[in-house]
Each structure stands twice: as C-alpha cells, then as structure tokens.
Amino acid sequence: MALALASAWVARGGLLWLPLRALGRYPAVSWGLADLVYWTTQQAHFPEVVGSRPGATELLETATQTLARTTLLPLAAMLLVLPAVFGPQHRGAIRRLLRTRTMVWLGTVSYGIYLWHFVAIGETCQWILEDRFPESVVLQLAAVLALTLSAAAVSYYLLERPCVRLAQALTSQRALHL
C-alpha cells in the first residue's frame, strides 16, 4: 500500500525520496536488501504460534517478536517489488514481462485472485479427500489455478467493475451538485 501511495504521489508530480529512487534504479541492491531482511527474520528463530491441541506444546511469540516479524517480512516483500514500481519503466526484462497483456490482465483481476484462491485450494483439497480428483500435484495446481482465475474474472467483470463504475458515477454527480 505504501508503494501504491508513493507511486500515486510521484504520478501527480511529487518528488520521490532519494533512497527509493536509488533502489528503483538499482534492482540488485533492492533485492539484496530484501534477501538480507528475510535472512534476518530466519535467523531470529521466531517461535510458531501453535494452537492448543492435546499433547502439543504451545509456543507464543513475545509482542516484540510479533512486531519484528510482522514488520520485517512485509519490508522484504516491499524491497522485492520496489524496483518494478520506481525503476525506469522502459528498461529490463522484468518490466517487459509486467507489461504483457497476460500480466496486465492478472493485475486487473488480482484482488479477485487474492479473495478466491483459498476457496479454490479448499475445494480442490475436498475433491482429493473424497477421491474425486487424481493425486497429481500438477493437476491439483492446474485445478486451483483454473478455479481461482475463473472466480476472479467473474467477480471482477460482474461485481467489482460495475461497483467501481457506480461509485465513479455517484462521485461525479455529487461533484456537479457542489
């Protein structure tokens, strides 16, 4: 979200903070920092939070450990994505890939992918448990992908896009009355 806000700021003529500009120009540095941050989280040995089950030991994180883990992992993810957002948009194989029709479409329906992927995974697992689906990992991944993309596309075209259009129409009507 922070990258999206910063990107919108720059698109409207705002100045980009110098370290972000530098990391955008030199992806290897940004990715190296992402690796370092991720490595740091792995070396910290944060305990897993294990639910109360018979015979299970419950390991709980301290508040400081939780804060560190929930801050450092998103920071590593942000450093991975940052060069794609702030780097020169006309250079590099990754940016060419991100501009392909397929990737643009996936970005368009990405919120639906986020919303529906767990449902698709759960449904596929249920089919496997009921012996209605082969135990081939490739087929399982293909099924999850097909279900996720189908649900994401349907929810985008039938729900998300019409709601955005309605919101824009209501906003523009309200602006006319001001």
C-alpha atoms as a PDB file:
ATOM      1  CA  MET A   1       0.000   0.000   0.000  1.00  0.00           C
ATOM      2  CA  ALA A   2       2.868   2.351   0.813  1.00  0.00           C
ATOM      3  CA  LEU A   3       4.357   1.757  -2.642  1.00  0.00           C
ATOM      4  CA  ALA A   4       0.990   2.446  -4.281  1.00  0.00           C
ATOM      5  CA  LEU A   5       0.634   5.711  -2.365  1.00  0.00           C
ATOM      6  CA  ALA A   6       4.187   6.770  -3.195  1.00  0.00           C
ATOM      7  CA  SER A   7       3.646   5.855  -6.846  1.00  0.00           C
ATOM      8  CA  ALA A   8       0.448   7.938  -6.969  1.00  0.00           C
ATOM      9  CA  TRP A   9       2.315  10.813  -5.313  1.00  0.00           C
ATOM     10  CA  VAL A  10       5.030  10.691  -7.962  1.00  0.00           C
ATOM     11  CA  ALA A  11       2.454  10.391 -10.776  1.00  0.00           C
ATOM     12  CA  ARG A  12       0.891  13.655  -9.553  1.00  0.00           C
ATOM     13  CA  GLY A  13       4.239  15.453  -9.659  1.00  0.00           C
ATOM     14  CA  GLY A  14       5.528  14.730  -6.153  1.00  0.00           C
ATOM     15  CA  LEU A  15       9.213  14.143  -5.580  1.00  0.00           C
ATOM     16  CA  LEU A  16      10.358  10.638  -4.771  1.00  0.00           C
ATOM     17  CA  TRP A  17      12.515  10.176  -1.687  1.00  0.00           C
ATOM     18  CA  LEU A  18      16.131   9.739  -2.871  1.00  0.00           C
ATOM     19  CA  PRO A  19      16.721   6.252  -1.343  1.00  0.00           C
ATOM     20  CA  LEU A  20      13.572   4.934  -3.088  1.00  0.00           C
ATOM     21  CA  ARG A  21      14.723   6.438  -6.369  1.00  0.00           C
ATOM     22  CA  ALA A  22      18.162   4.795  -5.957  1.00  0.00           C
ATOM     23  CA  LEU A  23      16.649   1.397  -5.101  1.00  0.00           C
ATOM     24  CA  GLY A  24      14.398   1.688  -8.144  1.00  0.00           C
ATOM     25  CA  ARG A  25      17.362   2.321 -10.419  1.00  0.00           C
ATOM     26  CA  TYR A  26      19.480  -0.485  -8.984  1.00  0.00           C
ATOM     27  CA  PRO A  27      17.265  -3.569  -8.558  1.00  0.00           C
ATOM     28  CA  ALA A  28      20.149  -5.786  -7.443  1.00  0.00           C
ATOM     29  CA  VAL A  29      20.675  -3.551  -4.392  1.00  0.00           C
ATOM     30  CA  SER A  30      16.972  -3.599  -3.521  1.00  0.00           C
ATOM     31  CA  TRP A  31      16.783  -7.380  -3.958  1.00  0.00           C
ATOM     32  CA  GLY A  32      19.977  -7.848  -1.939  1.00  0.00           C
ATOM     33  CA  LEU A  33      18.458  -5.815   0.901  1.00  0.00           C
ATOM     34  CA  ALA A  34      15.280  -7.896   0.633  1.00  0.00           C
ATOM     35  CA  ASP A  35      17.374 -11.057   0.966  1.00  0.00           C
ATOM     36  CA  LEU A  36      19.196  -9.592   3.972  1.00  0.00           C
ATOM     37  CA  VAL A  37      15.956  -8.615   5.719  1.00  0.00           C
ATOM     38  CA  TYR A  38      14.424 -12.039   5.021  1.00  0.00           C
ATOM     39  CA  TRP A  39      17.599 -13.809   6.181  1.00  0.00           C
ATOM     40  CA  THR A  40      17.479 -11.735   9.380  1.00  0.00           C
ATOM     41  CA  THR A  41      13.928 -12.907  10.093  1.00  0.00           C
ATOM     42  CA  GLN A  42      15.007 -16.512   9.561  1.00  0.00           C
ATOM     43  CA  GLN A  43      17.952 -16.146  11.942  1.00  0.00           C
ATOM     44  CA  ALA A  44      15.762 -14.664  14.679  1.00  0.00           C
ATOM     45  CA  HIS A  45      14.026 -18.042  15.223  1.00  0.00           C
ATOM     46  CA  PHE A  46      10.618 -16.618  15.984  1.00  0.00           C
ATOM     47  CA  PRO A  47       8.564 -19.314  17.674  1.00  0.00           C
ATOM     48  CA  GLU A  48       5.492 -20.523  15.860  1.00  0.00           C
ATOM     49  CA  VAL A  49       2.171 -19.932  17.490  1.00  0.00           C
ATOM     50  CA  VAL A  50       0.766 -23.439  17.885  1.00  0.00           C
ATOM     51  CA  GLY A  51      -2.901 -23.932  18.716  1.00  0.00           C
ATOM     52  CA  SER A  52      -3.981 -25.763  21.812  1.00  0.00           C
ATOM     53  CA  ARG A  53      -4.106 -29.413  20.833  1.00  0.00           C
ATOM     54  CA  PRO A  54      -3.852 -32.432  23.077  1.00  0.00           C
ATOM     55  CA  GLY A  55      -0.178 -33.209  23.569  1.00  0.00           C
ATOM     56  CA  ALA A  56       1.037 -30.062  21.773  1.00  0.00           C
ATOM     57  CA  THR A  57       3.347 -27.541  23.347  1.00  0.00           C
ATOM     58  CA  GLU A  58       2.147 -24.002  22.901  1.00  0.00           C
ATOM     59  CA  LEU A  59       4.896 -21.622  21.799  1.00  0.00           C
ATOM     60  CA  LEU A  60       3.933 -17.992  21.906  1.00  0.00           C
ATOM     61  CA  GLU A  61       5.761 -15.044  20.436  1.00  0.00           C
ATOM     62  CA  THR A  62       6.510 -12.059  22.593  1.00  0.00           C
ATOM     63  CA  ALA A  63       4.990  -8.733  21.498  1.00  0.00           C
ATOM     64  CA  THR A  64       8.434  -7.611  20.307  1.00  0.00           C
ATOM     65  CA  GLN A  65       8.901 -10.775  18.225  1.00  0.00           C
ATOM     66  CA  THR A  66       5.455 -10.391  16.681  1.00  0.00           C
ATOM     67  CA  LEU A  67       6.153  -6.743  15.834  1.00  0.00           C
ATOM     68  CA  ALA A  68       9.538  -7.619  14.325  1.00  0.00           C
ATOM     69  CA  ARG A  69       8.157 -10.493  12.243  1.00  0.00           C
ATOM     70  CA  THR A  70       5.126  -8.557  11.010  1.00  0.00           C
ATOM     71  CA  THR A  71       7.316  -5.580  10.104  1.00  0.00           C
ATOM     72  CA  LEU A  72      10.361  -7.296   8.601  1.00  0.00           C
ATOM     73  CA  LEU A  73       8.596  -9.758   6.282  1.00  0.00           C
ATOM     74  CA  PRO A  74       6.473  -7.048   4.605  1.00  0.00           C
ATOM     75  CA  LEU A  75       9.609  -4.888   4.349  1.00  0.00           C
ATOM     76  CA  ALA A  76      11.362  -7.721   2.482  1.00  0.00           C
ATOM     77  CA  ALA A  77       8.362  -8.052   0.141  1.00  0.00           C
ATOM     78  CA  MET A  78       8.323  -4.292  -0.458  1.00  0.00           C
ATOM     79  CA  LEU A  79      12.029  -4.309  -1.326  1.00  0.00           C
ATOM     80  CA  LEU A  80      11.404  -7.080  -3.875  1.00  0.00           C
ATOM     81  CA  VAL A  81       8.646  -5.109  -5.625  1.00  0.00           C
ATOM     82  CA  LEU A  82      10.134  -1.620  -5.307  1.00  0.00           C
ATOM     83  CA  PRO A  83      12.309  -1.715  -8.475  1.00  0.00           C
ATOM     84  CA  ALA A  84       9.280  -2.627 -10.596  1.00  0.00           C
ATOM     85  CA  VAL A  85       7.406   0.406  -9.247  1.00  0.00           C
ATOM     86  CA  PHE A  86      10.117   3.086  -9.214  1.00  0.00           C
ATOM     87  CA  GLY A  87      12.727   1.886 -11.669  1.00  0.00           C
ATOM     88  CA  PRO A  88      12.985   3.067 -15.278  1.00  0.00           C
ATOM     89  CA  GLN A  89       9.814   1.672 -16.830  1.00  0.00           C
ATOM     90  CA  HIS A  90      11.287   1.296 -20.318  1.00  0.00           C
ATOM     91  CA  ARG A  91      14.225  -0.973 -19.351  1.00  0.00           C
ATOM     92  CA  GLY A  92      14.620  -4.560 -18.264  1.00  0.00           C
ATOM     93  CA  ALA A  93      13.172  -7.973 -18.950  1.00  0.00           C
ATOM     94  CA  ILE A  94      11.032  -7.949 -15.812  1.00  0.00           C
ATOM     95  CA  ARG A  95       9.316  -4.713 -16.809  1.00  0.00           C
ATOM     96  CA  ARG A  96       8.725  -6.063 -20.333  1.00  0.00           C
ATOM     97  CA  LEU A  97       7.135  -9.123 -18.770  1.00  0.00           C
ATOM     98  CA  LEU A  98       4.972  -6.982 -16.480  1.00  0.00           C
ATOM     99  CA  ARG A  99       3.684  -5.024 -19.495  1.00  0.00           C
ATOM    100  CA  THR A 100       2.457  -8.105 -21.374  1.00  0.00           C
ATOM    101  CA  ARG A 101      -1.309  -8.452 -21.839  1.00  0.00           C
ATOM    102  CA  THR A 102      -1.428 -11.519 -19.620  1.00  0.00           C
ATOM    103  CA  MET A 103       0.317  -9.825 -16.709  1.00  0.00           C
ATOM    104  CA  VAL A 104      -1.764  -6.654 -17.086  1.00  0.00           C
ATOM    105  CA  TRP A 105      -4.936  -8.760 -17.016  1.00  0.00           C
ATOM    106  CA  LEU A 106      -3.693 -10.694 -13.958  1.00  0.00           C
ATOM    107  CA  GLY A 107      -3.022  -7.363 -12.259  1.00  0.00           C
ATOM    108  CA  THR A 108      -6.516  -6.203 -13.154  1.00  0.00           C
ATOM    109  CA  VAL A 109      -8.184  -9.230 -11.532  1.00  0.00           C
ATOM    110  CA  SER A 110      -5.578  -9.609  -8.766  1.00  0.00           C
ATOM    111  CA  TYR A 111      -7.941  -8.599  -5.965  1.00  0.00           C
ATOM    112  CA  GLY A 112     -10.259 -11.426  -7.009  1.00  0.00           C
ATOM    113  CA  ILE A 113      -7.277 -13.789  -7.110  1.00  0.00           C
ATOM    114  CA  TYR A 114      -6.480 -12.748  -3.541  1.00  0.00           C
ATOM    115  CA  LEU A 115     -10.102 -13.244  -2.464  1.00  0.00           C
ATOM    116  CA  TRP A 116     -10.755 -16.579  -4.181  1.00  0.00           C
ATOM    117  CA  HIS A 117      -7.505 -18.554  -4.034  1.00  0.00           C
ATOM    118  CA  PHE A 118      -8.171 -20.058  -0.589  1.00  0.00           C
ATOM    119  CA  VAL A 119     -11.648 -21.142  -1.697  1.00  0.00           C
ATOM    120  CA  ALA A 120     -10.141 -22.831  -4.761  1.00  0.00           C
ATOM    121  CA  ILE A 121      -7.485 -24.563  -2.661  1.00  0.00           C
ATOM    122  CA  GLY A 122     -10.098 -25.734  -0.151  1.00  0.00           C
ATOM    123  CA  GLU A 123     -12.413 -27.036  -2.861  1.00  0.00           C
ATOM    124  CA  THR A 124      -9.597 -28.903  -4.600  1.00  0.00           C
ATOM    125  CA  CYS A 125      -8.480 -30.435  -1.282  1.00  0.00           C
ATOM    126  CA  GLN A 126     -12.034 -31.556  -0.621  1.00  0.00           C
ATOM    127  CA  TRP A 127     -12.199 -33.248  -4.021  1.00  0.00           C
ATOM    128  CA  ILE A 128      -8.940 -35.061  -3.271  1.00  0.00           C
ATOM    129  CA  LEU A 129     -10.183 -36.208   0.155  1.00  0.00           C
ATOM    130  CA  GLU A 130     -13.367 -37.540  -1.439  1.00  0.00           C
ATOM    131  CA  ASP A 131     -11.309 -39.407  -4.082  1.00  0.00           C
ATOM    132  CA  ARG A 132     -12.940 -37.367  -6.849  1.00  0.00           C
ATOM    133  CA  PHE A 133      -9.651 -35.954  -8.094  1.00  0.00           C
ATOM    134  CA  PRO A 134      -6.289 -37.523  -9.021  1.00  0.00           C
ATOM    135  CA  GLU A 135      -3.381 -37.150  -6.622  1.00  0.00           C
ATOM    136  CA  SER A 136      -1.222 -35.479  -9.256  1.00  0.00           C
ATOM    137  CA  VAL A 137       0.336 -32.269  -7.961  1.00  0.00           C
ATOM    138  CA  VAL A 138       0.399 -30.827 -11.489  1.00  0.00           C
ATOM    139  CA  LEU A 139      -3.333 -31.480 -11.949  1.00  0.00           C
ATOM    140  CA  GLN A 140      -4.097 -30.106  -8.490  1.00  0.00           C
ATOM    141  CA  LEU A 141      -2.196 -26.895  -9.206  1.00  0.00           C
ATOM    142  CA  ALA A 142      -3.908 -26.601 -12.580  1.00  0.00           C
ATOM    143  CA  ALA A 143      -7.316 -27.033 -10.931  1.00  0.00           C
ATOM    144  CA  VAL A 144      -6.558 -24.414  -8.257  1.00  0.00           C
ATOM    145  CA  LEU A 145      -5.294 -22.018 -10.912  1.00  0.00           C
ATOM    146  CA  ALA A 146      -8.319 -22.570 -13.177  1.00  0.00           C
ATOM    147  CA  LEU A 147     -10.809 -22.180 -10.317  1.00  0.00           C
ATOM    148  CA  THR A 148      -9.046 -19.113  -8.923  1.00  0.00           C
ATOM    149  CA  LEU A 149      -8.741 -17.310 -12.252  1.00  0.00           C
ATOM    150  CA  SER A 150     -12.319 -18.145 -13.242  1.00  0.00           C
ATOM    151  CA  ALA A 151     -13.752 -16.895  -9.961  1.00  0.00           C
ATOM    152  CA  ALA A 152     -11.531 -13.792 -10.057  1.00  0.00           C
ATOM    153  CA  ALA A 153     -12.614 -12.938 -13.605  1.00  0.00           C
ATOM    154  CA  VAL A 154     -16.302 -13.467 -12.871  1.00  0.00           C
ATOM    155  CA  SER A 155     -16.174 -11.391  -9.684  1.00  0.00           C
ATOM    156  CA  TYR A 156     -14.224  -8.634 -11.464  1.00  0.00           C
ATOM    157  CA  TYR A 157     -16.488  -8.324 -14.504  1.00  0.00           C
ATOM    158  CA  LEU A 158     -19.817  -8.913 -12.733  1.00  0.00           C
ATOM    159  CA  LEU A 159     -19.196  -7.226  -9.390  1.00  0.00           C
ATOM    160  CA  GLU A 160     -16.015  -5.200  -8.991  1.00  0.00           C
ATOM    161  CA  ARG A 161     -16.074  -3.274 -12.291  1.00  0.00           C
ATOM    162  CA  PRO A 162     -19.788  -2.372 -12.093  1.00  0.00           C
ATOM    163  CA  CYS A 163     -19.344  -1.218  -8.474  1.00  0.00           C
ATOM    164  CA  VAL A 164     -16.388   0.983  -9.446  1.00  0.00           C
ATOM    165  CA  ARG A 165     -18.394   2.492 -12.309  1.00  0.00           C
ATOM    166  CA  LEU A 166     -21.322   3.158  -9.982  1.00  0.00           C
ATOM    167  CA  ALA A 167     -19.031   4.800  -7.428  1.00  0.00           C
ATOM    168  CA  GLN A 168     -17.488   6.983 -10.142  1.00  0.00           C
ATOM    169  CA  ALA A 169     -20.926   7.992 -11.426  1.00  0.00           C
ATOM    170  CA  LEU A 170     -22.143   8.865  -7.938  1.00  0.00           C
ATOM    171  CA  THR A 171     -18.946  10.798  -7.205  1.00  0.00           C
ATOM    172  CA  SER A 172     -19.147  12.797 -10.438  1.00  0.00           C
ATOM    173  CA  GLN A 173     -22.854  13.569  -9.822  1.00  0.00           C
ATOM    174  CA  ARG A 174     -22.056  14.749  -6.317  1.00  0.00           C
ATOM    175  CA  ALA A 175     -19.240  16.944  -7.641  1.00  0.00           C
ATOM    176  CA  LEU A 176     -21.680  18.562 -10.099  1.00  0.00           C
ATOM    177  CA  HIS A 177     -24.010  19.496  -7.257  1.00  0.00           C
ATOM    178  CA  LEU A 178     -21.281  21.170  -5.169  1.00  0.00           C
END
